Amino acid sequence: MKFKIKRDSEVVVISGEHKGKKGKVLRVLRDSQRVLVEGVNVRKKCLKKSQENPKGGMIETEMPIHYSNVMLAGAKVSGAKKGIERSKER
């Protein structure tokens, strides 16, 4: 399957809990058809104490979302919004 969404491209979430949020693609997981988007689907994760992290604690990390729930940001997004507004006026 060919993906149009590439790393470092700007995307908009079009469905789900984070609908409307924009972000940069950090990573594309082709085998599971998911993408990591900066600032979207952030979860807290507990860390045990270790030499790298002597205090332990909580960190916030992005979790992947399905690529069908995102759309490339740009002219197509603004055009789609204009089309919706026009259809409401009629």
Protein backbone atom coordinates (compact mmCIF):
# COMPACT_ATOMS: atom_id res chain seq x y z
CA MET A 1 0.00 0.00 0.00
CA LYS A 2 1.30 3.44 -0.91
CA PHE A 3 1.25 6.18 1.73
CA LYS A 4 0.98 9.84 0.75
CA ILE A 5 1.72 10.85 4.33
CA LYS A 6 5.46 11.14 4.91
CA ARG A 7 7.61 12.00 7.89
CA ASP A 8 7.88 15.76 8.66
CA SER A 9 4.68 16.62 6.75
CA GLU A 10 1.91 18.67 8.37
CA VAL A 11 -1.36 16.82 8.93
CA VAL A 12 -4.81 17.52 10.39
CA VAL A 13 -6.75 14.93 12.41
CA ILE A 14 -10.12 14.47 10.69
CA SER A 15 -11.84 12.03 13.06
CA GLY A 16 -11.66 10.73 16.58
CA GLU A 17 -11.04 12.27 19.97
CA HIS A 18 -8.43 14.75 18.66
CA LYS A 19 -10.41 15.96 15.63
CA GLY A 20 -9.21 19.32 14.29
CA LYS A 21 -5.71 19.23 15.80
CA LYS A 22 -2.73 19.92 13.55
CA GLY A 23 0.74 18.49 13.94
CA LYS A 24 3.90 17.26 12.29
CA VAL A 25 4.31 13.56 11.50
CA LEU A 26 7.14 12.16 13.64
CA ARG A 27 7.09 8.60 12.35
CA VAL A 28 5.17 6.41 9.88
CA LEU A 29 4.54 2.80 10.92
CA ARG A 30 3.80 1.12 7.58
CA ASP A 31 3.26 -2.43 8.85
CA SER A 32 0.47 -1.40 11.25
CA GLN A 33 -0.80 1.50 9.04
CA ARG A 34 -0.35 4.07 11.80
CA VAL A 35 1.38 7.42 12.23
CA LEU A 36 2.83 9.32 15.19
CA VAL A 37 1.73 12.96 15.17
CA GLU A 38 3.38 15.56 17.38
CA GLY A 39 1.06 16.68 20.20
CA VAL A 40 -1.78 14.31 19.26
CA ASN A 41 -2.91 11.26 21.27
CA VAL A 42 -0.53 12.02 24.16
CA ARG A 43 -0.53 9.50 27.01
CA LYS A 44 1.22 9.42 30.37
CA LYS A 45 3.60 6.54 31.00
CA CYS A 46 5.08 5.43 34.32
CA LEU A 47 8.85 4.89 34.50
CA LYS A 48 10.61 2.78 37.06
CA LYS A 49 13.76 4.02 38.75
CA SER A 50 16.91 3.32 36.74
CA GLN A 51 20.41 4.68 36.28
CA GLU A 52 19.27 6.92 33.42
CA ASN A 53 16.24 8.10 35.42
CA PRO A 54 17.08 7.83 39.14
CA LYS A 55 13.81 9.37 40.37
CA GLY A 56 11.48 7.46 38.07
CA GLY A 57 8.17 9.22 37.47
CA MET A 58 5.74 9.99 34.68
CA ILE A 59 6.48 11.02 31.10
CA GLU A 60 4.12 12.09 28.34
CA THR A 61 4.52 10.32 25.01
CA GLU A 62 2.68 10.33 21.69
CA MET A 63 0.84 7.15 20.73
CA PRO A 64 0.17 6.16 17.11
CA ILE A 65 -3.16 6.74 15.37
CA HIS A 66 -4.48 5.13 12.19
CA TYR A 67 -3.41 6.92 9.02
CA SER A 68 -7.03 7.09 7.76
CA ASN A 69 -7.80 9.49 10.62
CA VAL A 70 -5.36 12.15 9.33
CA MET A 71 -5.22 14.29 6.20
CA LEU A 72 -2.40 16.35 4.75
CA ALA A 73 -2.74 20.02 5.74
CA GLY A 74 -2.67 22.64 3.03
CA ALA A 75 -4.82 23.96 0.21
CA LYS A 76 -7.08 20.90 0.17
CA VAL A 77 -8.19 21.54 3.76
CA SER A 78 -9.16 25.16 3.15
CA GLY A 79 -10.88 24.19 -0.11
CA ALA A 80 -12.93 21.55 1.65
CA LYS A 81 -14.05 24.07 4.28
CA LYS A 82 -15.08 26.53 1.56
CA GLY A 83 -17.12 23.80 -0.12
CA ILE A 84 -18.97 23.06 3.10
CA GLU A 85 -19.75 26.74 3.63
CA ARG A 86 -21.08 27.08 0.08
CA SER A 87 -23.35 24.07 0.46
CA LYS A 88 -24.83 25.54 3.67
CA GLU A 89 -25.61 28.83 1.91
CA ARG A 90 -27.71 27.13 -0.79
